Amino acid sequence: MATRVCLSCKEDVKGFVFCPKCGGKTELIETQESKLEAFLENGSISGSSSQIAMWCHLAPLLIGVLSFLLAFVAVGFVLILFAWVPPLVLKSKKSGDSFVVRNANEAINFQIFWLITSAVVLIGYLILGVMTLGIGLIVGGVAGLIFVFPVLLFILISQIRATSAASAGKEFRYPLVLFRIIKD
C-alpha cells in the first residue's frame, strides 16, 4: 500500500495527485512508517529554530507597538531606537543555525533601514521648517500625517507577514528595503 505526500508542504494528501492546500506536486511513497517519517522530516526546519526565527521578527514588532502606545512619554521615542537589538541578541545566541541567522539579518536590516529613513525624513522636515520660517512645519505636518499612517500600516503588516513566515519555517524578504547593511 502506498500514500501520496506533497513535495512542497510535506503533508499527506490522501491520494490526491496535486496538493489541495498549495497545489504542489505529490509523490507516491510506500507506507512503511520509517520511510514516510524520514521523507516528512527531510529538509524541514526544526520547531525551536522556527520559533526563535519568529521572535526575530515579533520582538521588534512588539517594541514598535509598545513605543507607539508610549509615544506621549519620551520613553516611547527612545524605545523604538532599539528595535534592532532583539534580533541581534537572538542571532548571536544561535549563530550556528543558518535559518535563525538569515531571519535575524533580515529583521535587523528592516529595522535599521526604517530607522535611517525616518531620521532622514525628520531632519529634512526640520530643515524645511527652519528655511520657511515655520510655514513648512505646518504644511509638512499635515502632509506627514497623511503619509505616516499608511507607512506605519505597511510596516506593521510586513512584520506580521515575516513573523508568520518564520513560524512556518519559510524564508521572508521584507519588501521596499532599498539597502541591506548586513549581508547573508
Protein backbone atom coordinates (compact mmCIF):
# COMPACT_ATOMS: atom_id res chain seq x y z
CA MET A 1 0.00 0.00 0.00
CA ALA A 2 1.27 3.48 -0.85
CA THR A 3 0.35 7.03 0.09
CA ARG A 4 0.85 10.41 -1.57
CA VAL A 5 2.81 13.22 0.07
CA CYS A 6 3.10 16.84 -1.16
CA LEU A 7 6.65 17.74 -2.19
CA SER A 8 6.41 21.37 -1.06
CA CYS A 9 4.40 21.34 2.19
CA LYS A 10 5.43 17.76 3.14
CA GLU A 11 1.93 16.68 4.20
CA ASP A 12 -0.07 13.55 3.44
CA VAL A 13 -2.53 14.48 0.66
CA LYS A 14 -4.59 11.29 0.96
CA GLY A 15 -4.24 10.12 -2.64
CA PHE A 16 -4.57 13.46 -4.46
CA VAL A 17 -2.31 13.97 -7.45
CA PHE A 18 -1.93 17.68 -6.59
CA CYS A 19 -1.88 19.08 -3.03
CA PRO A 20 -5.28 20.50 -2.04
CA LYS A 21 -3.52 23.11 0.17
CA CYS A 22 -0.80 24.55 -2.05
CA GLY A 23 -1.42 22.94 -5.44
CA GLY A 24 2.08 21.44 -5.50
CA LYS A 25 3.10 18.10 -6.99
CA THR A 26 2.83 14.97 -4.91
CA GLU A 27 4.91 11.82 -4.75
CA LEU A 28 3.86 8.24 -4.19
CA ILE A 29 5.61 6.73 -1.15
CA GLU A 30 5.45 3.33 0.46
CA THR A 31 3.59 3.45 3.77
CA GLN A 32 6.36 2.00 5.81
CA GLU A 33 6.39 4.30 8.81
CA SER A 34 10.14 4.83 8.76
CA LYS A 35 10.20 5.88 5.08
CA LEU A 36 7.26 8.26 5.49
CA GLU A 37 8.67 9.89 8.62
CA ALA A 38 12.11 10.24 7.02
CA PHE A 39 10.56 11.93 4.00
CA LEU A 40 8.48 14.34 6.10
CA GLU A 41 11.42 15.35 8.29
CA ASN A 42 13.92 15.66 5.44
CA GLY A 43 14.75 19.29 4.74
CA SER A 44 12.34 20.75 7.29
CA ILE A 45 13.21 23.40 9.84
CA SER A 46 13.17 22.31 13.49
CA GLY A 47 10.46 23.69 15.76
CA SER A 48 12.88 25.56 18.02
CA SER A 49 14.60 27.22 15.04
CA SER A 50 11.33 28.43 13.59
CA GLN A 51 10.23 29.77 16.99
CA ILE A 52 13.47 31.66 17.53
CA ALA A 53 13.30 32.99 13.96
CA MET A 54 9.71 34.06 14.64
CA TRP A 55 10.87 36.04 17.68
CA CYS A 56 13.46 37.80 15.49
CA HIS A 57 10.52 39.47 13.74
CA LEU A 58 7.96 39.52 16.58
CA ALA A 59 10.15 41.24 19.21
CA PRO A 60 10.73 44.39 17.08
CA LEU A 61 7.02 44.40 16.25
CA LEU A 62 6.12 44.34 19.94
CA ILE A 63 8.67 47.06 20.67
CA GLY A 64 7.17 49.18 17.89
CA VAL A 65 3.62 48.74 19.20
CA LEU A 66 4.75 49.46 22.76
CA SER A 67 6.65 52.57 21.69
CA PHE A 68 3.60 53.77 19.72
CA LEU A 69 1.46 53.34 22.85
CA LEU A 70 4.07 55.14 24.97
CA ALA A 71 4.67 57.91 22.42
CA PHE A 72 3.18 60.54 24.74
CA VAL A 73 6.05 59.78 27.12
CA ALA A 74 9.64 60.23 25.98
CA VAL A 75 10.25 56.53 26.66
CA GLY A 76 8.32 55.59 23.52
CA PHE A 77 10.58 57.60 21.24
CA VAL A 78 13.73 56.18 22.81
CA LEU A 79 12.40 52.61 22.84
CA ILE A 80 11.85 52.44 19.07
CA LEU A 81 15.53 53.28 18.51
CA PHE A 82 16.45 49.87 19.92
CA ALA A 83 14.04 47.62 17.98
CA TRP A 84 17.01 46.07 16.16
CA VAL A 85 18.57 44.76 19.39
CA PRO A 86 16.42 41.59 19.97
CA PRO A 87 17.22 40.08 16.54
CA LEU A 88 20.91 40.84 17.13
CA VAL A 89 20.83 39.07 20.51
CA LEU A 90 18.97 36.06 19.05
CA LYS A 91 21.43 35.94 16.15
CA SER A 92 24.42 35.86 18.48
CA LYS A 93 22.87 33.14 20.68
CA LYS A 94 22.02 30.86 17.72
CA SER A 95 24.94 31.69 15.41
CA GLY A 96 25.20 28.06 14.27
CA ASP A 97 21.61 27.91 13.00
CA SER A 98 21.56 29.38 9.48
CA PHE A 99 17.75 29.77 9.39
CA VAL A 100 17.76 31.89 12.55
CA VAL A 101 20.75 33.92 11.34
CA ARG A 102 19.10 34.69 7.97
CA ASN A 103 15.87 35.76 9.67
CA ALA A 104 17.75 37.84 12.24
CA ASN A 105 19.76 39.55 9.48
CA GLU A 106 16.57 40.36 7.58
CA ALA A 107 14.88 41.74 10.71
CA ILE A 108 17.93 43.83 11.64
CA ASN A 109 18.19 45.22 8.09
CA PHE A 110 14.48 46.10 8.10
CA GLN A 111 14.71 47.90 11.44
CA ILE A 112 17.89 49.80 10.52
CA PHE A 113 16.50 50.78 7.10
CA TRP A 114 13.36 52.30 8.60
CA LEU A 115 15.33 53.94 11.41
CA ILE A 116 17.67 55.65 8.92
CA THR A 117 14.77 56.55 6.60
CA SER A 118 12.79 58.07 9.46
CA ALA A 119 15.80 60.07 10.66
CA VAL A 120 16.45 61.46 7.17
CA VAL A 121 12.80 62.44 6.72
CA LEU A 122 12.68 64.07 10.18
CA ILE A 123 15.88 66.05 9.58
CA GLY A 124 14.60 67.16 6.17
CA TYR A 125 11.30 68.19 7.77
CA LEU A 126 13.07 70.29 10.39
CA ILE A 127 15.38 71.94 7.83
CA LEU A 128 12.36 72.77 5.64
CA GLY A 129 10.59 74.26 8.66
CA VAL A 130 13.55 76.48 9.54
CA MET A 131 14.07 77.61 5.94
CA THR A 132 10.40 78.58 5.52
CA LEU A 133 10.17 80.26 8.95
CA GLY A 134 7.72 77.69 10.30
CA ILE A 135 5.30 77.50 7.37
CA GLY A 136 6.94 74.28 6.19
CA LEU A 137 6.36 72.75 9.61
CA ILE A 138 2.60 73.28 9.32
CA VAL A 139 2.32 72.13 5.70
CA GLY A 140 4.74 69.27 6.28
CA GLY A 141 2.90 68.25 9.44
CA VAL A 142 -0.40 67.89 7.61
CA ALA A 143 1.24 66.06 4.70
CA GLY A 144 3.17 63.93 7.19
CA LEU A 145 0.01 62.83 8.97
CA ILE A 146 -1.49 61.76 5.67
CA PHE A 147 1.70 59.87 4.74
CA VAL A 148 2.77 58.43 8.11
CA PHE A 149 -0.22 56.22 8.85
CA PRO A 150 -0.07 54.21 5.59
CA VAL A 151 3.68 53.72 6.12
CA LEU A 152 3.10 52.54 9.71
CA LEU A 153 0.40 50.18 8.47
CA PHE A 154 2.79 48.84 5.81
CA ILE A 155 5.50 48.26 8.43
CA LEU A 156 3.04 46.53 10.75
CA ILE A 157 1.70 44.23 8.02
CA SER A 158 5.23 43.41 6.79
CA GLN A 159 6.36 42.43 10.28
CA ILE A 160 3.26 40.28 10.82
CA ARG A 161 3.87 38.51 7.50
CA ALA A 162 7.54 37.95 8.39
CA THR A 163 6.59 36.56 11.80
CA SER A 164 4.08 34.21 10.23
CA ALA A 165 6.51 33.02 7.57
CA ALA A 166 9.29 32.41 10.10
CA SER A 167 7.00 30.44 12.40
CA ALA A 168 6.06 28.24 9.42
CA GLY A 169 9.75 27.66 8.65
CA LYS A 170 9.74 29.69 5.42
CA GLU A 171 12.09 32.40 4.21
CA PHE A 172 10.81 36.00 4.03
CA ARG A 173 12.33 39.12 2.45
CA TYR A 174 10.90 42.45 3.54
CA PRO A 175 9.60 44.48 0.60
CA LEU A 176 10.77 48.04 -0.12
CA VAL A 177 14.03 47.73 1.81
CA LEU A 178 16.30 49.65 -0.54
CA PHE A 179 19.58 48.73 1.14
CA ARG A 180 20.71 45.95 3.43
CA ILE A 181 23.63 46.71 5.71
CA ILE A 182 24.08 43.15 6.97
CA LYS A 183 24.65 40.68 4.15
CA ASP A 184 23.77 36.99 4.33
